[in-house]
Amino acid sequence: MDQPGYDYHIDIPGTTIFDGKQAMKGYALNKMCYDFNRAENREGFKADEEGWMTKYGLTEGQKAAIRSRNILQMIEEGGNIYYLAKLAGIFKLSVQDVGGLQTGRTTEEFQDFLQSQA
């Protein structure tokens, strides 16, 4: 039921809600990740991560998250999981690896969970 003025956000501990504020915060990070749709950009990033992050104007928090390969921190820094998927691929992480990180499970536990829901 649609109720004007009702706050539909659900508080899920450990979950970062991607809203307008997060979209603005993560614009540069998400733009960089979008550009990883092109193979030459992925190769350019692998060859010079620091230069690539500077080129896109990433914040220090975003850079730190990338340096540590911390996908959850990237989300907290405004990253949208759909754009981060390309970056995760550069780091050799699958969507199921990231799903495990997001749910506090190992990749194998997350895969078992998915299969149990089928």
PDB file of N, CA and C in Angstrom:
ATOM      1  N   MET A   1       0.858  -1.172   0.000  1.00  0.00           N
ATOM      2  CA  MET A   1       0.000   0.000   0.000  1.00  0.00           C
ATOM      3  C   MET A   1       0.900   1.230   0.000  1.00  0.00           C
ATOM      4  N   ASP A   2       0.592   2.158  -0.878  1.00  0.00           N
ATOM      5  CA  ASP A   2       1.385   3.389  -0.991  1.00  0.00           C
ATOM      6  C   ASP A   2       0.832   4.429  -0.028  1.00  0.00           C
ATOM      7  N   GLN A   3       1.688   4.882   0.889  1.00  0.00           N
ATOM      8  CA  GLN A   3       1.272   5.877   1.868  1.00  0.00           C
ATOM      9  C   GLN A   3       2.187   7.084   1.760  1.00  0.00           C
ATOM     10  N   PRO A   4       1.650   8.241   1.360  1.00  0.00           N
ATOM     11  CA  PRO A   4       2.489   9.446   1.262  1.00  0.00           C
ATOM     12  C   PRO A   4       3.192   9.732   2.596  1.00  0.00           C
ATOM     13  N   GLY A   5       4.456  10.061   2.500  1.00  0.00           N
ATOM     14  CA  GLY A   5       5.216  10.389   3.701  1.00  0.00           C
ATOM     15  C   GLY A   5       5.750   9.182   4.454  1.00  0.00           C
ATOM     16  N   TYR A   6       5.410   7.971   4.011  1.00  0.00           N
ATOM     17  CA  TYR A   6       5.885   6.758   4.689  1.00  0.00           C
ATOM     18  C   TYR A   6       7.324   6.478   4.273  1.00  0.00           C
ATOM     19  N   ASP A   7       8.165   6.192   5.230  1.00  0.00           N
ATOM     20  CA  ASP A   7       9.568   5.893   4.942  1.00  0.00           C
ATOM     21  C   ASP A   7       9.687   4.402   4.631  1.00  0.00           C
ATOM     22  N   TYR A   8       9.945   4.092   3.368  1.00  0.00           N
ATOM     23  CA  TYR A   8      10.009   2.697   2.938  1.00  0.00           C
ATOM     24  C   TYR A   8      11.381   2.063   3.161  1.00  0.00           C
ATOM     25  N   HIS A   9      12.341   2.827   3.646  1.00  0.00           N
ATOM     26  CA  HIS A   9      13.650   2.252   3.915  1.00  0.00           C
ATOM     27  C   HIS A   9      13.552   1.247   5.059  1.00  0.00           C
ATOM     28  N   ILE A  10      14.131   0.126   4.853  1.00  0.00           N
ATOM     29  CA  ILE A  10      14.184  -0.913   5.874  1.00  0.00           C
ATOM     30  C   ILE A  10      15.597  -0.916   6.421  1.00  0.00           C
ATOM     31  N   ASP A  11      15.724  -0.867   7.734  1.00  0.00           N
ATOM     32  CA  ASP A  11      17.044  -0.886   8.350  1.00  0.00           C
ATOM     33  C   ASP A  11      17.546  -2.324   8.393  1.00  0.00           C
ATOM     34  N   ILE A  12      18.524  -2.606   7.553  1.00  0.00           N
ATOM     35  CA  ILE A  12      19.152  -3.921   7.533  1.00  0.00           C
ATOM     36  C   ILE A  12      20.589  -3.700   7.986  1.00  0.00           C
ATOM     37  N   PRO A  13      20.931  -4.152   9.190  1.00  0.00           N
ATOM     38  CA  PRO A  13      22.281  -3.910   9.706  1.00  0.00           C
ATOM     39  C   PRO A  13      23.359  -4.332   8.708  1.00  0.00           C
ATOM     40  N   GLY A  14      24.330  -3.460   8.519  1.00  0.00           N
ATOM     41  CA  GLY A  14      25.435  -3.745   7.613  1.00  0.00           C
ATOM     42  C   GLY A  14      25.140  -3.454   6.156  1.00  0.00           C
ATOM     43  N   THR A  15      23.949  -2.937   5.861  1.00  0.00           N
ATOM     44  CA  THR A  15      23.562  -2.666   4.476  1.00  0.00           C
ATOM     45  C   THR A  15      23.656  -1.171   4.185  1.00  0.00           C
ATOM     46  N   THR A  16      24.320  -0.848   3.107  1.00  0.00           N
ATOM     47  CA  THR A  16      24.390   0.536   2.653  1.00  0.00           C
ATOM     48  C   THR A  16      23.301   0.734   1.615  1.00  0.00           C
ATOM     49  N   ILE A  17      22.395   1.655   1.859  1.00  0.00           N
ATOM     50  CA  ILE A  17      21.320   1.959   0.923  1.00  0.00           C
ATOM     51  C   ILE A  17      21.874   2.865  -0.178  1.00  0.00           C
ATOM     52  N   PHE A  18      21.704   2.450  -1.431  1.00  0.00           N
ATOM     53  CA  PHE A  18      22.174   3.265  -2.544  1.00  0.00           C
ATOM     54  C   PHE A  18      21.048   4.217  -2.932  1.00  0.00           C
ATOM     55  N   ASP A  19      21.160   5.435  -2.433  1.00  0.00           N
ATOM     56  CA  ASP A  19      20.159   6.462  -2.702  1.00  0.00           C
ATOM     57  C   ASP A  19      20.835   7.620  -3.433  1.00  0.00           C
ATOM     58  N   GLY A  20      20.137   8.718  -3.572  1.00  0.00           N
ATOM     59  CA  GLY A  20      20.689   9.871  -4.274  1.00  0.00           C
ATOM     60  C   GLY A  20      21.977  10.383  -3.663  1.00  0.00           C
ATOM     61  N   LYS A  21      22.034  10.379  -2.340  1.00  0.00           N
ATOM     62  CA  LYS A  21      23.235  10.854  -1.649  1.00  0.00           C
ATOM     63  C   LYS A  21      24.428   9.954  -1.977  1.00  0.00           C
ATOM     64  N   GLN A  22      24.203   8.644  -1.943  1.00  0.00           N
ATOM     65  CA  GLN A  22      25.277   7.702  -2.262  1.00  0.00           C
ATOM     66  C   GLN A  22      25.666   7.817  -3.738  1.00  0.00           C
ATOM     67  N   ALA A  23      24.682   8.053  -4.598  1.00  0.00           N
ATOM     68  CA  ALA A  23      24.972   8.189  -6.027  1.00  0.00           C
ATOM     69  C   ALA A  23      25.906   9.376  -6.278  1.00  0.00           C
ATOM     70  N   MET A  24      25.637  10.489  -5.600  1.00  0.00           N
ATOM     71  CA  MET A  24      26.507  11.651  -5.751  1.00  0.00           C
ATOM     72  C   MET A  24      27.899  11.367  -5.176  1.00  0.00           C
ATOM     73  N   LYS A  25      27.930  10.729  -4.027  1.00  0.00           N
ATOM     74  CA  LYS A  25      29.197  10.406  -3.371  1.00  0.00           C
ATOM     75  C   LYS A  25      30.062   9.514  -4.264  1.00  0.00           C
ATOM     76  N   GLY A  26      29.423   8.575  -4.953  1.00  0.00           N
ATOM     77  CA  GLY A  26      30.169   7.587  -5.722  1.00  0.00           C
ATOM     78  C   GLY A  26      30.277   7.868  -7.201  1.00  0.00           C
ATOM     79  N   TYR A  27      29.890   9.076  -7.631  1.00  0.00           N
ATOM     80  CA  TYR A  27      29.854   9.357  -9.073  1.00  0.00           C
ATOM     81  C   TYR A  27      31.177   9.031  -9.771  1.00  0.00           C
ATOM     82  N   ALA A  28      32.281   9.524  -9.265  1.00  0.00           N
ATOM     83  CA  ALA A  28      33.582   9.317  -9.926  1.00  0.00           C
ATOM     84  C   ALA A  28      33.950   7.832  -9.944  1.00  0.00           C
ATOM     85  N   LEU A  29      33.728   7.151  -8.837  1.00  0.00           N
ATOM     86  CA  LEU A  29      34.026   5.720  -8.754  1.00  0.00           C
ATOM     87  C   LEU A  29      33.176   4.939  -9.749  1.00  0.00           C
ATOM     88  N   ASN A  30      31.901   5.240  -9.801  1.00  0.00           N
ATOM     89  CA  ASN A  30      31.005   4.520 -10.705  1.00  0.00           C
ATOM     90  C   ASN A  30      31.303   4.845 -12.167  1.00  0.00           C
ATOM     91  N   LYS A  31      31.697   6.081 -12.446  1.00  0.00           N
ATOM     92  CA  LYS A  31      32.080   6.451 -13.814  1.00  0.00           C
ATOM     93  C   LYS A  31      33.309   5.659 -14.232  1.00  0.00           C
ATOM     94  N   MET A  32      34.288   5.556 -13.346  1.00  0.00           N
ATOM     95  CA  MET A  32      35.483   4.783 -13.658  1.00  0.00           C
ATOM     96  C   MET A  32      35.113   3.328 -13.938  1.00  0.00           C
ATOM     97  N   CYS A  33      34.280   2.761 -13.075  1.00  0.00           N
ATOM     98  CA  CYS A  33      33.891   1.365 -13.254  1.00  0.00           C
ATOM     99  C   CYS A  33      33.091   1.160 -14.534  1.00  0.00           C
ATOM    100  N   TYR A  34      32.235   2.105 -14.875  1.00  0.00           N
ATOM    101  CA  TYR A  34      31.475   2.013 -16.123  1.00  0.00           C
ATOM    102  C   TYR A  34      32.436   1.946 -17.312  1.00  0.00           C
ATOM    103  N   ASP A  35      33.492   2.717 -17.250  1.00  0.00           N
ATOM    104  CA  ASP A  35      34.448   2.744 -18.346  1.00  0.00           C
ATOM    105  C   ASP A  35      35.224   1.439 -18.476  1.00  0.00           C
ATOM    106  N   PHE A  36      35.130   0.564 -17.471  1.00  0.00           N
ATOM    107  CA  PHE A  36      35.758  -0.749 -17.567  1.00  0.00           C
ATOM    108  C   PHE A  36      34.983  -1.686 -18.492  1.00  0.00           C
ATOM    109  N   ASN A  37      33.904  -1.213 -19.085  1.00  0.00           N
ATOM    110  CA  ASN A  37      33.223  -1.995 -20.113  1.00  0.00           C
ATOM    111  C   ASN A  37      34.130  -2.168 -21.332  1.00  0.00           C
ATOM    112  N   ARG A  38      35.095  -1.299 -21.462  1.00  0.00           N
ATOM    113  CA  ARG A  38      36.053  -1.394 -22.572  1.00  0.00           C
ATOM    114  C   ARG A  38      37.324  -2.081 -22.082  1.00  0.00           C
ATOM    115  N   ALA A  39      37.728  -3.100 -22.810  1.00  0.00           N
ATOM    116  CA  ALA A  39      38.892  -3.906 -22.421  1.00  0.00           C
ATOM    117  C   ALA A  39      40.146  -3.057 -22.248  1.00  0.00           C
ATOM    118  N   GLU A  40      40.344  -2.068 -23.128  1.00  0.00           N
ATOM    119  CA  GLU A  40      41.564  -1.257 -23.024  1.00  0.00           C
ATOM    120  C   GLU A  40      41.589  -0.446 -21.730  1.00  0.00           C
ATOM    121  N   ASN A  41      40.427  -0.087 -21.210  1.00  0.00           N
ATOM    122  CA  ASN A  41      40.380   0.631 -19.934  1.00  0.00           C
ATOM    123  C   ASN A  41      40.700  -0.303 -18.773  1.00  0.00           C
ATOM    124  N   ARG A  42      40.226  -1.535 -18.850  1.00  0.00           N
ATOM    125  CA  ARG A  42      40.569  -2.507 -17.800  1.00  0.00           C
ATOM    126  C   ARG A  42      42.075  -2.744 -17.788  1.00  0.00           C
ATOM    127  N   GLU A  43      42.656  -2.866 -18.966  1.00  0.00           N
ATOM    128  CA  GLU A  43      44.104  -3.077 -19.059  1.00  0.00           C
ATOM    129  C   GLU A  43      44.862  -1.852 -18.570  1.00  0.00           C
ATOM    130  N   GLY A  44      44.370  -0.667 -18.901  1.00  0.00           N
ATOM    131  CA  GLY A  44      45.009   0.557 -18.435  1.00  0.00           C
ATOM    132  C   GLY A  44      45.004   0.660 -16.917  1.00  0.00           C
ATOM    133  N   PHE A  45      43.882   0.284 -16.298  1.00  0.00           N
ATOM    134  CA  PHE A  45      43.792   0.299 -14.841  1.00  0.00           C
ATOM    135  C   PHE A  45      44.788  -0.682 -14.229  1.00  0.00           C
ATOM    136  N   LYS A  46      44.846  -1.882 -14.789  1.00  0.00           N
ATOM    137  CA  LYS A  46      45.771  -2.889 -14.248  1.00  0.00           C
ATOM    138  C   LYS A  46      47.222  -2.426 -14.355  1.00  0.00           C
ATOM    139  N   ALA A  47      47.526  -1.681 -15.409  1.00  0.00           N
ATOM    140  CA  ALA A  47      48.901  -1.210 -15.614  1.00  0.00           C
ATOM    141  C   ALA A  47      49.265  -0.052 -14.687  1.00  0.00           C
ATOM    142  N   ASP A  48      48.279   0.760 -14.284  1.00  0.00           N
ATOM    143  CA  ASP A  48      48.567   1.942 -13.459  1.00  0.00           C
ATOM    144  C   ASP A  48      47.338   2.311 -12.622  1.00  0.00           C
ATOM    145  N   GLU A  49      47.094   1.547 -11.587  1.00  0.00           N
ATOM    146  CA  GLU A  49      45.916   1.778 -10.742  1.00  0.00           C
ATOM    147  C   GLU A  49      45.889   3.190 -10.160  1.00  0.00           C
ATOM    148  N   GLU A  50      47.009   3.630  -9.628  1.00  0.00           N
ATOM    149  CA  GLU A  50      47.054   4.946  -8.982  1.00  0.00           C
ATOM    150  C   GLU A  50      46.748   6.063  -9.984  1.00  0.00           C
ATOM    151  N   GLY A  51      47.374   5.977 -11.149  1.00  0.00           N
ATOM    152  CA  GLY A  51      47.134   6.985 -12.173  1.00  0.00           C
ATOM    153  C   GLY A  51      45.690   6.982 -12.639  1.00  0.00           C
ATOM    154  N   TRP A  52      45.117   5.794 -12.746  1.00  0.00           N
ATOM    155  CA  TRP A  52      43.728   5.679 -13.198  1.00  0.00           C
ATOM    156  C   TRP A  52      42.791   6.288 -12.164  1.00  0.00           C
ATOM    157  N   MET A  53      43.033   6.008 -10.879  1.00  0.00           N
ATOM    158  CA  MET A  53      42.172   6.560  -9.818  1.00  0.00           C
ATOM    159  C   MET A  53      42.291   8.077  -9.769  1.00  0.00           C
ATOM    160  N   THR A  54      43.491   8.603  -9.992  1.00  0.00           N
ATOM    161  CA  THR A  54      43.685  10.053 -10.015  1.00  0.00           C
ATOM    162  C   THR A  54      42.983  10.663 -11.225  1.00  0.00           C
ATOM    163  N   LYS A  55      43.098  10.015 -12.363  1.00  0.00           N
ATOM    164  CA  LYS A  55      42.460  10.493 -13.595  1.00  0.00           C
ATOM    165  C   LYS A  55      40.960  10.705 -13.394  1.00  0.00           C
ATOM    166  N   TYR A  56      40.316   9.824 -12.637  1.00  0.00           N
ATOM    167  CA  TYR A  56      38.874   9.913 -12.431  1.00  0.00           C
ATOM    168  C   TYR A  56      38.495  10.739 -11.197  1.00  0.00           C
ATOM    169  N   GLY A  57      39.481  11.203 -10.447  1.00  0.00           N
ATOM    170  CA  GLY A  57      39.197  12.065  -9.305  1.00  0.00           C
ATOM    171  C   GLY A  57      38.583  11.352  -8.113  1.00  0.00           C
ATOM    172  N   LEU A  58      39.005  10.109  -7.872  1.00  0.00           N
ATOM    173  CA  LEU A  58      38.465   9.365  -6.735  1.00  0.00           C
ATOM    174  C   LEU A  58      38.892   9.995  -5.415  1.00  0.00           C
ATOM    175  N   THR A  59      38.050   9.853  -4.414  1.00  0.00           N
ATOM    176  CA  THR A  59      38.373  10.353  -3.079  1.00  0.00           C
ATOM    177  C   THR A  59      39.407   9.433  -2.438  1.00  0.00           C
ATOM    178  N   GLU A  60      40.002   9.885  -1.353  1.00  0.00           N
ATOM    179  CA  GLU A  60      40.968   9.040  -0.646  1.00  0.00           C
ATOM    180  C   GLU A  60      40.301   7.779  -0.110  1.00  0.00           C
ATOM    181  N   GLY A  61      39.060   7.904   0.366  1.00  0.00           N
ATOM    182  CA  GLY A  61      38.335   6.725   0.857  1.00  0.00           C
ATOM    183  C   GLY A  61      38.092   5.705  -0.240  1.00  0.00           C
ATOM    184  N   GLN A  62      37.739   6.176  -1.427  1.00  0.00           N
ATOM    185  CA  GLN A  62      37.526   5.278  -2.565  1.00  0.00           C
ATOM    186  C   GLN A  62      38.835   4.619  -2.985  1.00  0.00           C
ATOM    187  N   LYS A  63      39.902   5.401  -3.004  1.00  0.00           N
ATOM    188  CA  LYS A  63      41.212   4.845  -3.352  1.00  0.00           C
ATOM    189  C   LYS A  63      41.641   3.782  -2.346  1.00  0.00           C
ATOM    190  N   ALA A  64      41.438   4.070  -1.068  1.00  0.00           N
ATOM    191  CA  ALA A  64      41.818   3.099  -0.032  1.00  0.00           C
ATOM    192  C   ALA A  64      41.032   1.800  -0.189  1.00  0.00           C
ATOM    193  N   ALA A  65      39.753   1.910  -0.500  1.00  0.00           N
ATOM    194  CA  ALA A  65      38.924   0.720  -0.687  1.00  0.00           C
ATOM    195  C   ALA A  65      39.421  -0.107  -1.860  1.00  0.00           C
ATOM    196  N   ILE A  66      39.803   0.557  -2.938  1.00  0.00           N
ATOM    197  CA  ILE A  66      40.320  -0.156  -4.108  1.00  0.00           C
ATOM    198  C   ILE A  66      41.670  -0.782  -3.803  1.00  0.00           C
ATOM    199  N   ARG A  67      42.535  -0.032  -3.150  1.00  0.00           N
ATOM    200  CA  ARG A  67      43.861  -0.582  -2.812  1.00  0.00           C
ATOM    201  C   ARG A  67      43.752  -1.833  -1.958  1.00  0.00           C
ATOM    202  N   SER A  68      42.766  -1.847  -1.051  1.00  0.00           N
ATOM    203  CA  SER A  68      42.605  -3.003  -0.154  1.00  0.00           C
ATOM    204  C   SER A  68      41.701  -4.083  -0.739  1.00  0.00           C
ATOM    205  N   ARG A  69      41.166  -3.814  -1.957  1.00  0.00           N
ATOM    206  CA  ARG A  69      40.281  -4.775  -2.635  1.00  0.00           C
ATOM    207  C   ARG A  69      39.038  -5.068  -1.810  1.00  0.00           C
ATOM    208  N   ASN A  70      38.559  -4.048  -1.102  1.00  0.00           N
ATOM    209  CA  ASN A  70      37.428  -4.197  -0.183  1.00  0.00           C
ATOM    210  C   ASN A  70      36.136  -3.726  -0.867  1.00  0.00           C
ATOM    211  N   ILE A  71      35.426  -4.662  -1.446  1.00  0.00           N
ATOM    212  CA  ILE A  71      34.207  -4.340  -2.191  1.00  0.00           C
ATOM    213  C   ILE A  71      33.159  -3.695  -1.286  1.00  0.00           C
ATOM    214  N   LEU A  72      33.021  -4.185  -0.062  1.00  0.00           N
ATOM    215  CA  LEU A  72      32.023  -3.611   0.846  1.00  0.00           C
ATOM    216  C   LEU A  72      32.355  -2.162   1.181  1.00  0.00           C
ATOM    217  N   GLN A  73      33.636  -1.852   1.329  1.00  0.00           N
ATOM    218  CA  GLN A  73      34.044  -0.470   1.584  1.00  0.00           C
ATOM    219  C   GLN A  73      33.781   0.390   0.342  1.00  0.00           C
ATOM    220  N   MET A  74      33.960  -0.193  -0.833  1.00  0.00           N
ATOM    221  CA  MET A  74      33.668   0.544  -2.063  1.00  0.00           C
ATOM    222  C   MET A  74      32.186   0.909  -2.119  1.00  0.00           C
ATOM    223  N   ILE A  75      31.333   0.003  -1.680  1.00  0.00           N
ATOM    224  CA  ILE A  75      29.897   0.284  -1.632  1.00  0.00           C
ATOM    225  C   ILE A  75      29.630   1.412  -0.636  1.00  0.00           C
ATOM    226  N   GLU A  76      30.279   1.359   0.522  1.00  0.00           N
ATOM    227  CA  GLU A  76      30.116   2.422   1.520  1.00  0.00           C
ATOM    228  C   GLU A  76      30.591   3.771   0.966  1.00  0.00           C
ATOM    229  N   GLU A  77      31.558   3.725   0.056  1.00  0.00           N
ATOM    230  CA  GLU A  77      32.113   4.948  -0.533  1.00  0.00           C
ATOM    231  C   GLU A  77      31.303   5.424  -1.739  1.00  0.00           C
ATOM    232  N   GLY A  78      30.123   4.829  -1.942  1.00  0.00           N
ATOM    233  CA  GLY A  78      29.235   5.285  -3.004  1.00  0.00           C
ATOM    234  C   GLY A  78      29.213   4.411  -4.236  1.00  0.00           C
ATOM    235  N   GLY A  79      29.949   3.312  -4.209  1.00  0.00           N
ATOM    236  CA  GLY A  79      29.962   2.415  -5.361  1.00  0.00           C
ATOM    237  C   GLY A  79      28.636   1.686  -5.515  1.00  0.00           C
ATOM    238  N   ASN A  80      28.194   1.575  -6.739  1.00  0.00           N
ATOM    239  CA  ASN A  80      26.989   0.828  -7.060  1.00  0.00           C
ATOM    240  C   ASN A  80      27.423  -0.564  -7.497  1.00  0.00           C
ATOM    241  N   ILE A  81      26.819  -1.587  -6.912  1.00  0.00           N
ATOM    242  CA  ILE A  81      27.267  -2.957  -7.158  1.00  0.00           C
ATOM    243  C   ILE A  81      27.263  -3.305  -8.642  1.00  0.00           C
ATOM    244  N   TYR A  82      26.349  -2.747  -9.414  1.00  0.00           N
ATOM    245  CA  TYR A  82      26.302  -3.064 -10.840  1.00  0.00           C
ATOM    246  C   TYR A  82      27.523  -2.520 -11.583  1.00  0.00           C
ATOM    247  N   TYR A  83      28.006  -1.366 -11.174  1.00  0.00           N
ATOM    248  CA  TYR A  83      29.224  -0.825 -11.771  1.00  0.00           C
ATOM    249  C   TYR A  83      30.459  -1.501 -11.174  1.00  0.00           C
ATOM    250  N   LEU A  84      30.409  -1.790  -9.892  1.00  0.00           N
ATOM    251  CA  LEU A  84      31.549  -2.426  -9.228  1.00  0.00           C
ATOM    252  C   LEU A  84      31.809  -3.831  -9.740  1.00  0.00           C
ATOM    253  N   ALA A  85      30.830  -4.449 -10.368  1.00  0.00           N
ATOM    254  CA  ALA A  85      31.011  -5.806 -10.885  1.00  0.00           C
ATOM    255  C   ALA A  85      32.193  -5.877 -11.852  1.00  0.00           C
ATOM    256  N   LYS A  86      32.373  -4.861 -12.678  1.00  0.00           N
ATOM    257  CA  LYS A  86      33.513  -4.848 -13.605  1.00  0.00           C
ATOM    258  C   LYS A  86      34.834  -4.766 -12.848  1.00  0.00           C
ATOM    259  N   LEU A  87      34.865  -3.941 -11.811  1.00  0.00           N
ATOM    260  CA  LEU A  87      36.076  -3.813 -11.011  1.00  0.00           C
ATOM    261  C   LEU A  87      36.348  -5.118 -10.261  1.00  0.00           C
ATOM    262  N   ALA A  88      35.300  -5.730  -9.736  1.00  0.00           N
ATOM    263  CA  ALA A  88      35.460  -7.010  -9.043  1.00  0.00           C
ATOM    264  C   ALA A  88      36.038  -8.056  -9.995  1.00  0.00           C
ATOM    265  N   GLY A  89      35.606  -8.018 -11.249  1.00  0.00           N
ATOM    266  CA  GLY A  89      36.145  -8.946 -12.241  1.00  0.00           C
ATOM    267  C   GLY A  89      37.625  -8.741 -12.476  1.00  0.00           C
ATOM    268  N   ILE A  90      38.054  -7.492 -12.473  1.00  0.00           N
ATOM    269  CA  ILE A  90      39.490  -7.202 -12.612  1.00  0.00           C
ATOM    270  C   ILE A  90      40.257  -7.830 -11.455  1.00  0.00           C
ATOM    271  N   PHE A  91      39.629  -7.857 -10.278  1.00  0.00           N
ATOM    272  CA  PHE A  91      40.258  -8.435  -9.089  1.00  0.00           C
ATOM    273  C   PHE A  91      40.061  -9.947  -9.016  1.00  0.00           C
ATOM    274  N   LYS A  92      39.465 -10.524 -10.067  1.00  0.00           N
ATOM    275  CA  LYS A  92      39.209 -11.974 -10.147  1.00  0.00           C
ATOM    276  C   LYS A  92      38.172 -12.438  -9.131  1.00  0.00           C
ATOM    277  N   LEU A  93      37.219 -11.555  -8.804  1.00  0.00           N
ATOM    278  CA  LEU A  93      36.114 -11.912  -7.918  1.00  0.00           C
ATOM    279  C   LEU A  93      34.862 -12.120  -8.758  1.00  0.00           C
ATOM    280  N   SER A  94      34.146 -13.211  -8.493  1.00  0.00           N
ATOM    281  CA  SER A  94      32.896 -13.467  -9.199  1.00  0.00           C
ATOM    282  C   SER A  94      31.744 -12.779  -8.476  1.00  0.00           C
ATOM    283  N   VAL A  95      30.596 -12.750  -9.125  1.00  0.00           N
ATOM    284  CA  VAL A  95      29.397 -12.206  -8.491  1.00  0.00           C
ATOM    285  C   VAL A  95      29.071 -12.995  -7.227  1.00  0.00           C
ATOM    286  N   GLN A  96      29.301 -14.294  -7.259  1.00  0.00           N
ATOM    287  CA  GLN A  96      29.034 -15.109  -6.063  1.00  0.00           C
ATOM    288  C   GLN A  96      30.041 -14.825  -4.949  1.00  0.00           C
ATOM    289  N   ASP A  97      31.288 -14.505  -5.302  1.00  0.00           N
ATOM    290  CA  ASP A  97      32.255 -14.078  -4.279  1.00  0.00           C
ATOM    291  C   ASP A  97      31.738 -12.829  -3.575  1.00  0.00           C
ATOM    292  N   VAL A  98      31.267 -11.857  -4.369  1.00  0.00           N
ATOM    293  CA  VAL A  98      30.761 -10.603  -3.807  1.00  0.00           C
ATOM    294  C   VAL A  98      29.500 -10.860  -2.999  1.00  0.00           C
ATOM    295  N   GLY A  99      28.621 -11.730  -3.473  1.00  0.00           N
ATOM    296  CA  GLY A  99      27.417 -12.088  -2.715  1.00  0.00           C
ATOM    297  C   GLY A  99      27.777 -12.665  -1.358  1.00  0.00           C
ATOM    298  N   GLY A 100      28.802 -13.483  -1.318  1.00  0.00           N
ATOM    299  CA  GLY A 100      29.268 -14.024  -0.039  1.00  0.00           C
ATOM    300  C   GLY A 100      29.759 -12.931   0.886  1.00  0.00           C
ATOM    301  N   LEU A 101      30.531 -11.992   0.337  1.00  0.00           N
ATOM    302  CA  LEU A 101      31.017 -10.863   1.140  1.00  0.00           C
ATOM    303  C   LEU A 101      29.853 -10.062   1.705  1.00  0.00           C
ATOM    304  N   GLN A 102      28.834  -9.818   0.867  1.00  0.00           N
ATOM    305  CA  GLN A 102      27.705  -8.998   1.294  1.00  0.00           C
ATOM    306  C   GLN A 102      26.856  -9.684   2.360  1.00  0.00           C
ATOM    307  N   THR A 103      26.876 -10.990   2.389  1.00  0.00           N
ATOM    308  CA  THR A 103      26.031 -11.722   3.346  1.00  0.00           C
ATOM    309  C   THR A 103      26.815 -12.345   4.490  1.00  0.00           C
ATOM    310  N   GLY A 104      28.121 -12.086   4.543  1.00  0.00           N
ATOM    311  CA  GLY A 104      28.934 -12.629   5.625  1.00  0.00           C
ATOM    312  C   GLY A 104      29.180 -14.123   5.499  1.00  0.00           C
ATOM    313  N   ARG A 105      29.149 -14.627   4.275  1.00  0.00           N
ATOM    314  CA  ARG A 105      29.373 -16.049   4.017  1.00  0.00           C
ATOM    315  C   ARG A 105      30.620 -16.226   3.148  1.00  0.00           C
ATOM    316  N   THR A 106      31.179 -17.415   3.180  1.00  0.00           N
ATOM    317  CA  THR A 106      32.210 -17.743   2.196  1.00  0.00           C
ATOM    318  C   THR A 106      31.509 -17.911   0.854  1.00  0.00           C
ATOM    319  N   THR A 107      32.283 -17.955  -0.204  1.00  0.00           N
ATOM    320  CA  THR A 107      31.692 -18.160  -1.527  1.00  0.00           C
ATOM    321  C   THR A 107      30.932 -19.482  -1.566  1.00  0.00           C
ATOM    322  N   GLU A 108      31.528 -20.518  -0.983  1.00  0.00           N
ATOM    323  CA  GLU A 108      30.893 -21.836  -0.986  1.00  0.00           C
ATOM    324  C   GLU A 108      29.593 -21.819  -0.175  1.00  0.00           C
ATOM    325  N   GLU A 109      29.601 -21.160   0.971  1.00  0.00           N
ATOM    326  CA  GLU A 109      28.378 -21.049   1.775  1.00  0.00           C
ATOM    327  C   GLU A 109      27.300 -20.285   1.018  1.00  0.00           C
ATOM    328  N   PHE A 110      27.699 -19.238   0.303  1.00  0.00           N
ATOM    329  CA  PHE A 110      26.738 -18.463  -0.465  1.00  0.00           C
ATOM    330  C   PHE A 110      26.165 -19.304  -1.602  1.00  0.00           C
ATOM    331  N   GLN A 111      27.006 -20.071  -2.270  1.00  0.00           N
ATOM    332  CA  GLN A 111      26.509 -20.944  -3.344  1.00  0.00           C
ATOM    333  C   GLN A 111      25.536 -21.980  -2.794  1.00  0.00           C
ATOM    334  N   ASP A 112      25.859 -22.563  -1.637  1.00  0.00           N
ATOM    335  CA  ASP A 112      24.950 -23.522  -1.008  1.00  0.00           C
ATOM    336  C   ASP A 112      23.617 -22.853  -0.656  1.00  0.00           C
ATOM    337  N   PHE A 113      23.700 -21.634  -0.144  1.00  0.00           N
ATOM    338  CA  PHE A 113      22.493 -20.881   0.182  1.00  0.00           C
ATOM    339  C   PHE A 113      21.625 -20.676  -1.064  1.00  0.00           C
ATOM    340  N   LEU A 114      22.255 -20.260  -2.164  1.00  0.00           N
ATOM    341  CA  LEU A 114      21.519 -20.044  -3.398  1.00  0.00           C
ATOM    342  C   LEU A 114      20.841 -21.328  -3.877  1.00  0.00           C
ATOM    343  N   GLN A 115      21.564 -22.433  -3.804  1.00  0.00           N
ATOM    344  CA  GLN A 115      21.006 -23.710  -4.247  1.00  0.00           C
ATOM    345  C   GLN A 115      19.869 -24.154  -3.348  1.00  0.00           C
ATOM    346  N   SER A 116      19.925 -23.821  -2.068  1.00  0.00           N
ATOM    347  CA  SER A 116      18.854 -24.209  -1.142  1.00  0.00           C
ATOM    348  C   SER A 116      17.576 -23.408  -1.377  1.00  0.00           C
ATOM    349  N   GLN A 117      17.707 -22.270  -2.084  1.00  0.00           N
ATOM    350  CA  GLN A 117      16.535 -21.420  -2.351  1.00  0.00           C
ATOM    351  C   GLN A 117      15.846 -21.793  -3.666  1.00  0.00           C
ATOM    352  N   ALA A 118      16.478 -22.692  -4.427  1.00  0.00           N
ATOM    353  CA  ALA A 118      15.917 -23.058  -5.749  1.00  0.00           C
ATOM    354  C   ALA A 118      14.724 -23.988  -5.625  1.00  0.00           C
TER     355      ALA A 118
END
